Amino acid sequence: MEATTLKYTVIKDKSQYDQYCRQLEELLEGEQNEAVQDEIDLLTLLIEKYDEEHNTFTESDPIALLRSFMKDRGLKSQHLVEVLGVSKGYVSDILNYKKGLSKEVIRKLAEYFKVRQEAFNRYYKLMPSTDTYTGNFGSGNTAKQIHAAKH
């Protein structure tokens, strides 16, 4: 009995994983019909299985992962503004660890990059603002008001 050569197999190493990711991107950019959609579904399944087994997303925080995806695809922050439907300032704050990812942004990123939401829905540390320190009182308060609130 002659063995049939399969177009795709279970991913065994990082090189094969990277190759399948590139193939998936090409399929997603091209014209889609039922046969192509089946191929997309199969590649997605194989990639997700490899991700789960090798914890590829736990190695980096969600923003590092996002930056990696952007670099791999040659995307600029303006692309994220369009994909996410948010302001340039919000995208900048996200990429600079000043604001967290909302549920809606996580959903859109996962859909756009064809990964599970869990890839972006993980804890990461935000950077403190570099604005002048005003405590929890806002910039309009006088020293007398701040002193009174503390005592």
C-alpha atoms as a PDB file:
ATOM      1  CA  MET A   1       0.000   0.000   0.000  1.00  0.00           C
ATOM      2  CA  GLU A   2       1.417   3.381  -1.035  1.00  0.00           C
ATOM      3  CA  ALA A   3       1.520   6.166   1.548  1.00  0.00           C
ATOM      4  CA  THR A   4      -0.219   9.409   0.716  1.00  0.00           C
ATOM      5  CA  THR A   5       1.775  12.589   1.171  1.00  0.00           C
ATOM      6  CA  LEU A   6      -0.157  15.077   3.262  1.00  0.00           C
ATOM      7  CA  LYS A   7      -0.048  18.773   2.508  1.00  0.00           C
ATOM      8  CA  TYR A   8      -0.029  19.577   6.252  1.00  0.00           C
ATOM      9  CA  THR A   9       1.060  17.534   9.243  1.00  0.00           C
ATOM     10  CA  VAL A  10       1.171  18.062  12.992  1.00  0.00           C
ATOM     11  CA  ILE A  11       3.713  20.807  13.690  1.00  0.00           C
ATOM     12  CA  LYS A  12       6.910  19.340  15.108  1.00  0.00           C
ATOM     13  CA  ASP A  13       9.243  22.354  15.432  1.00  0.00           C
ATOM     14  CA  LYS A  14       9.457  26.151  15.407  1.00  0.00           C
ATOM     15  CA  SER A  15      10.586  26.266  11.776  1.00  0.00           C
ATOM     16  CA  GLN A  16       7.511  24.346  10.625  1.00  0.00           C
ATOM     17  CA  TYR A  17       5.357  26.518  12.900  1.00  0.00           C
ATOM     18  CA  ASP A  18       6.735  29.694  11.296  1.00  0.00           C
ATOM     19  CA  GLN A  19       6.203  28.252   7.814  1.00  0.00           C
ATOM     20  CA  TYR A  20       2.572  27.393   8.579  1.00  0.00           C
ATOM     21  CA  CYS A  21       1.984  30.873  10.036  1.00  0.00           C
ATOM     22  CA  ARG A  22       3.287  32.448   6.804  1.00  0.00           C
ATOM     23  CA  GLN A  23       1.112  30.133   4.723  1.00  0.00           C
ATOM     24  CA  LEU A  24      -1.934  31.028   6.824  1.00  0.00           C
ATOM     25  CA  GLU A  25      -1.266  34.748   6.323  1.00  0.00           C
ATOM     26  CA  GLU A  26      -1.029  34.250   2.549  1.00  0.00           C
ATOM     27  CA  LEU A  27      -4.295  32.317   2.494  1.00  0.00           C
ATOM     28  CA  LEU A  28      -6.035  34.986   4.563  1.00  0.00           C
ATOM     29  CA  GLU A  29      -4.878  37.717   2.172  1.00  0.00           C
ATOM     30  CA  GLY A  30      -5.957  35.855  -0.968  1.00  0.00           C
ATOM     31  CA  GLU A  31      -9.335  35.083  -2.463  1.00  0.00           C
ATOM     32  CA  GLN A  32     -11.351  32.711  -0.331  1.00  0.00           C
ATOM     33  CA  ASN A  33     -13.679  29.902  -1.297  1.00  0.00           C
ATOM     34  CA  GLU A  34     -14.837  26.766   0.516  1.00  0.00           C
ATOM     35  CA  ALA A  35     -11.619  24.807  -0.187  1.00  0.00           C
ATOM     36  CA  VAL A  36      -9.420  27.707   0.942  1.00  0.00           C
ATOM     37  CA  GLN A  37     -11.541  28.145   4.072  1.00  0.00           C
ATOM     38  CA  ASP A  38     -11.023  24.458   4.921  1.00  0.00           C
ATOM     39  CA  GLU A  39      -7.268  24.935   4.504  1.00  0.00           C
ATOM     40  CA  ILE A  40      -7.385  28.060   6.723  1.00  0.00           C
ATOM     41  CA  ASP A  41      -9.324  26.140   9.374  1.00  0.00           C
ATOM     42  CA  LEU A  42      -6.851  23.234   9.297  1.00  0.00           C
ATOM     43  CA  LEU A  43      -3.788  25.489   9.535  1.00  0.00           C
ATOM     44  CA  THR A  44      -5.404  27.479  12.348  1.00  0.00           C
ATOM     45  CA  LEU A  45      -6.106  24.262  14.242  1.00  0.00           C
ATOM     46  CA  LEU A  46      -2.536  23.001  13.802  1.00  0.00           C
ATOM     47  CA  ILE A  47      -1.062  26.367  14.840  1.00  0.00           C
ATOM     48  CA  GLU A  48      -3.318  26.600  17.905  1.00  0.00           C
ATOM     49  CA  LYS A  49      -2.392  23.057  18.938  1.00  0.00           C
ATOM     50  CA  TYR A  50       1.307  23.930  18.721  1.00  0.00           C
ATOM     51  CA  ASP A  51       0.705  27.170  20.652  1.00  0.00           C
ATOM     52  CA  GLU A  52      -1.052  25.286  23.453  1.00  0.00           C
ATOM     53  CA  GLU A  53       1.594  22.586  23.697  1.00  0.00           C
ATOM     54  CA  HIS A  54       4.537  24.975  23.575  1.00  0.00           C
ATOM     55  CA  ASN A  55       3.064  27.919  25.448  1.00  0.00           C
ATOM     56  CA  THR A  56       4.286  30.274  22.749  1.00  0.00           C
ATOM     57  CA  PHE A  57       2.240  33.132  24.198  1.00  0.00           C
ATOM     58  CA  THR A  58       3.341  32.797  27.801  1.00  0.00           C
ATOM     59  CA  GLU A  59       6.876  33.768  26.870  1.00  0.00           C
ATOM     60  CA  SER A  60       5.951  37.395  26.355  1.00  0.00           C
ATOM     61  CA  ASP A  61       3.422  39.787  27.740  1.00  0.00           C
ATOM     62  CA  PRO A  62       0.499  40.802  25.491  1.00  0.00           C
ATOM     63  CA  ILE A  63       2.123  44.062  24.393  1.00  0.00           C
ATOM     64  CA  ALA A  64       5.409  42.376  23.483  1.00  0.00           C
ATOM     65  CA  LEU A  65       3.362  39.837  21.539  1.00  0.00           C
ATOM     66  CA  LEU A  66       1.423  42.609  19.792  1.00  0.00           C
ATOM     67  CA  ARG A  67       4.664  44.412  18.900  1.00  0.00           C
ATOM     68  CA  SER A  68       6.061  41.128  17.550  1.00  0.00           C
ATOM     69  CA  PHE A  69       2.980  40.573  15.376  1.00  0.00           C
ATOM     70  CA  MET A  70       3.223  44.152  14.125  1.00  0.00           C
ATOM     71  CA  LYS A  71       6.923  43.761  13.284  1.00  0.00           C
ATOM     72  CA  ASP A  72       6.372  40.413  11.532  1.00  0.00           C
ATOM     73  CA  ARG A  73       3.662  41.938   9.347  1.00  0.00           C
ATOM     74  CA  GLY A  74       5.282  45.332   8.831  1.00  0.00           C
ATOM     75  CA  LEU A  75       2.433  47.141  10.584  1.00  0.00           C
ATOM     76  CA  LYS A  76       2.622  50.629  12.055  1.00  0.00           C
ATOM     77  CA  SER A  77       0.526  51.998  14.896  1.00  0.00           C
ATOM     78  CA  GLN A  78      -1.717  53.698  12.300  1.00  0.00           C
ATOM     79  CA  HIS A  79      -2.767  50.228  11.114  1.00  0.00           C
ATOM     80  CA  LEU A  80      -3.908  49.412  14.654  1.00  0.00           C
ATOM     81  CA  VAL A  81      -5.895  52.655  14.791  1.00  0.00           C
ATOM     82  CA  GLU A  82      -7.831  51.439  11.732  1.00  0.00           C
ATOM     83  CA  VAL A  83      -8.149  47.807  12.854  1.00  0.00           C
ATOM     84  CA  LEU A  84      -9.271  48.662  16.378  1.00  0.00           C
ATOM     85  CA  GLY A  85     -11.295  51.765  15.592  1.00  0.00           C
ATOM     86  CA  VAL A  86      -9.612  53.750  18.384  1.00  0.00           C
ATOM     87  CA  SER A  87      -7.572  56.947  18.583  1.00  0.00           C
ATOM     88  CA  LYS A  88      -3.851  57.257  17.860  1.00  0.00           C
ATOM     89  CA  GLY A  89      -3.351  58.331  21.459  1.00  0.00           C
ATOM     90  CA  TYR A  90      -4.996  55.178  22.804  1.00  0.00           C
ATOM     91  CA  VAL A  91      -2.870  52.959  20.549  1.00  0.00           C
ATOM     92  CA  SER A  92       0.236  54.854  21.661  1.00  0.00           C
ATOM     93  CA  ASP A  93      -0.734  54.419  25.323  1.00  0.00           C
ATOM     94  CA  ILE A  94      -1.264  50.680  24.784  1.00  0.00           C
ATOM     95  CA  LEU A  95       2.071  50.213  23.006  1.00  0.00           C
ATOM     96  CA  ASN A  96       3.869  52.213  25.705  1.00  0.00           C
ATOM     97  CA  TYR A  97       2.304  50.258  28.589  1.00  0.00           C
ATOM     98  CA  LYS A  98       0.301  53.248  29.799  1.00  0.00           C
ATOM     99  CA  LYS A  99      -3.177  51.762  29.257  1.00  0.00           C
ATOM    100  CA  GLY A 100      -4.494  48.236  29.452  1.00  0.00           C
ATOM    101  CA  LEU A 101      -6.291  46.353  26.721  1.00  0.00           C
ATOM    102  CA  SER A 102     -10.073  46.529  26.886  1.00  0.00           C
ATOM    103  CA  LYS A 103     -12.181  43.430  26.230  1.00  0.00           C
ATOM    104  CA  GLU A 104     -13.228  44.877  22.874  1.00  0.00           C
ATOM    105  CA  VAL A 105      -9.612  45.587  21.856  1.00  0.00           C
ATOM    106  CA  ILE A 106      -8.574  42.069  22.918  1.00  0.00           C
ATOM    107  CA  ARG A 107     -11.378  40.595  20.822  1.00  0.00           C
ATOM    108  CA  LYS A 108     -10.426  42.662  17.758  1.00  0.00           C
ATOM    109  CA  LEU A 109      -6.697  41.887  18.087  1.00  0.00           C
ATOM    110  CA  ALA A 110      -7.349  38.157  18.435  1.00  0.00           C
ATOM    111  CA  GLU A 111      -9.620  38.197  15.403  1.00  0.00           C
ATOM    112  CA  TYR A 112      -7.205  40.258  13.314  1.00  0.00           C
ATOM    113  CA  PHE A 113      -4.103  38.222  14.163  1.00  0.00           C
ATOM    114  CA  LYS A 114      -6.017  34.902  14.131  1.00  0.00           C
ATOM    115  CA  VAL A 115      -5.071  33.872  17.656  1.00  0.00           C
ATOM    116  CA  ARG A 116      -7.059  33.032  20.755  1.00  0.00           C
ATOM    117  CA  GLN A 117      -8.131  35.912  22.954  1.00  0.00           C
ATOM    118  CA  GLU A 118      -6.086  34.428  25.808  1.00  0.00           C
ATOM    119  CA  ALA A 119      -2.945  35.546  23.957  1.00  0.00           C
ATOM    120  CA  PHE A 120      -3.822  39.170  24.750  1.00  0.00           C
ATOM    121  CA  ASN A 121      -5.961  38.628  27.843  1.00  0.00           C
ATOM    122  CA  ARG A 122      -3.163  38.174  30.370  1.00  0.00           C
ATOM    123  CA  TYR A 123      -1.678  40.266  33.111  1.00  0.00           C
ATOM    124  CA  TYR A 124       1.107  42.683  32.313  1.00  0.00           C
ATOM    125  CA  LYS A 125       2.507  45.593  34.246  1.00  0.00           C
ATOM    126  CA  LEU A 126       1.570  49.111  33.219  1.00  0.00           C
ATOM    127  CA  MET A 127       4.129  51.891  33.465  1.00  0.00           C
ATOM    128  CA  PRO A 128       3.374  54.769  35.795  1.00  0.00           C
ATOM    129  CA  SER A 129       2.487  58.012  34.081  1.00  0.00           C
ATOM    130  CA  THR A 130       5.329  60.482  33.590  1.00  0.00           C
ATOM    131  CA  ASP A 131       2.968  63.397  34.242  1.00  0.00           C
ATOM    132  CA  THR A 132       3.592  65.628  37.234  1.00  0.00           C
ATOM    133  CA  TYR A 133       2.516  63.842  40.395  1.00  0.00           C
ATOM    134  CA  THR A 134      -0.774  65.141  41.700  1.00  0.00           C
ATOM    135  CA  GLY A 135      -1.764  62.207  43.867  1.00  0.00           C
ATOM    136  CA  ASN A 136      -5.440  61.344  43.725  1.00  0.00           C
ATOM    137  CA  PHE A 137      -6.502  64.944  44.026  1.00  0.00           C
ATOM    138  CA  GLY A 138      -6.115  66.283  40.516  1.00  0.00           C
ATOM    139  CA  SER A 139      -4.032  69.238  39.452  1.00  0.00           C
ATOM    140  CA  GLY A 140      -6.528  71.880  40.579  1.00  0.00           C
ATOM    141  CA  ASN A 141      -6.058  71.305  44.309  1.00  0.00           C
ATOM    142  CA  THR A 142      -3.950  73.507  46.492  1.00  0.00           C
ATOM    143  CA  ALA A 143      -1.446  72.240  49.032  1.00  0.00           C
ATOM    144  CA  LYS A 144      -3.884  73.255  51.754  1.00  0.00           C
ATOM    145  CA  GLN A 145      -6.652  71.068  50.251  1.00  0.00           C
ATOM    146  CA  ILE A 146      -4.279  68.103  49.885  1.00  0.00           C
ATOM    147  CA  HIS A 147      -3.061  68.519  53.483  1.00  0.00           C
ATOM    148  CA  ALA A 148      -6.671  68.677  54.729  1.00  0.00           C
ATOM    149  CA  ALA A 149      -7.615  65.530  52.803  1.00  0.00           C
ATOM    150  CA  LYS A 150      -4.706  63.590  54.325  1.00  0.00           C
ATOM    151  CA  HIS A 151      -5.704  64.504  57.908  1.00  0.00           C
END
